[in-house]
Amino acid sequence: CGISDDELAALKHPAPFERPDEPVAQPEHDASMPSLHYPPPVLRAIMGMSDHDMWNNVSFPDPPVPPSD
């Protein structure tokens, strides 16, 4: 794959994650890149959500159809 021994070691044993004191802002939406197909106001709202808000508002852990017994 063209990965050096040092690169492989860094991938296998990455440096610990240091959480910043303040959340990192979402990057600005780049209209030149592929994107979700939503109306512009909806897309702006989605792209502006924090990861926390996205997780709490869009995550549906229960299956849409309950398993049958």
Protein backbone atom coordinates (compact mmCIF):
# COMPACT_ATOMS: atom_id res chain seq x y z
CA CYS A 1 0.00 0.00 0.00
CA GLY A 2 3.01 2.28 0.00
CA ILE A 3 2.90 2.83 3.79
CA SER A 4 6.21 3.13 5.59
CA ASP A 5 6.91 1.27 8.82
CA ASP A 6 6.66 4.56 10.72
CA GLU A 7 3.29 5.39 9.12
CA LEU A 8 1.99 1.90 9.92
CA ALA A 9 3.13 2.21 13.53
CA ALA A 10 1.37 5.60 13.83
CA LEU A 11 -1.85 4.09 12.45
CA LYS A 12 -1.66 1.10 14.79
CA HIS A 13 -0.82 3.22 17.85
CA PRO A 14 -2.17 6.76 17.31
CA ALA A 15 -1.44 9.57 19.71
CA PRO A 16 -4.11 9.98 22.42
CA PHE A 17 -6.97 12.34 21.57
CA GLU A 18 -6.79 15.64 23.44
CA ARG A 19 -10.33 17.06 23.61
CA PRO A 20 -10.29 20.86 23.24
CA ASP A 21 -11.94 22.97 25.94
CA GLU A 22 -14.35 24.43 23.37
CA PRO A 23 -16.08 22.42 20.63
CA VAL A 24 -14.59 22.79 17.17
CA ALA A 25 -16.93 24.66 14.82
CA GLN A 26 -18.31 22.89 11.78
CA PRO A 27 -16.56 23.95 8.56
CA GLU A 28 -18.42 26.23 6.18
CA HIS A 29 -20.47 24.46 3.52
CA ASP A 30 -18.65 24.30 0.19
CA ALA A 31 -21.25 24.32 -2.60
CA SER A 32 -18.63 23.10 -5.09
CA MET A 33 -18.43 19.75 -3.27
CA PRO A 34 -20.97 16.90 -3.43
CA SER A 35 -23.72 17.44 -0.91
CA LEU A 36 -27.02 16.16 0.44
CA HIS A 37 -30.03 17.00 -1.74
CA TYR A 38 -32.11 19.20 0.55
CA PRO A 39 -33.66 22.62 -0.01
CA PRO A 40 -31.04 25.31 0.74
CA PRO A 41 -32.55 26.42 4.10
CA VAL A 42 -32.75 22.83 5.33
CA LEU A 43 -29.23 22.06 4.17
CA ARG A 44 -27.89 25.18 5.94
CA ALA A 45 -29.64 24.07 9.16
CA ILE A 46 -28.24 20.55 8.92
CA MET A 47 -24.73 21.72 8.05
CA GLY A 48 -24.77 24.19 10.94
CA MET A 49 -25.74 21.63 13.59
CA SER A 50 -23.17 20.51 16.12
CA ASP A 51 -22.31 16.83 16.24
CA HIS A 52 -24.11 16.67 19.61
CA ASP A 53 -27.31 18.15 18.17
CA MET A 54 -27.10 15.92 15.11
CA TRP A 55 -26.69 12.83 17.28
CA ASN A 56 -29.62 13.77 19.53
CA ASN A 57 -31.97 14.88 16.74
CA VAL A 58 -31.22 12.44 13.94
CA SER A 59 -30.24 9.24 15.74
CA PHE A 60 -32.98 6.61 15.84
CA PRO A 61 -31.62 3.62 17.78
CA ASP A 62 -34.87 1.61 17.58
CA PRO A 63 -35.59 -0.28 14.36
CA PRO A 64 -38.49 1.15 12.33
CA VAL A 65 -40.23 -2.23 12.40
CA PRO A 66 -40.05 -4.11 15.71
CA PRO A 67 -38.71 -7.65 15.38
CA SER A 68 -41.43 -10.30 15.32
CA ASP A 69 -41.44 -12.97 17.97
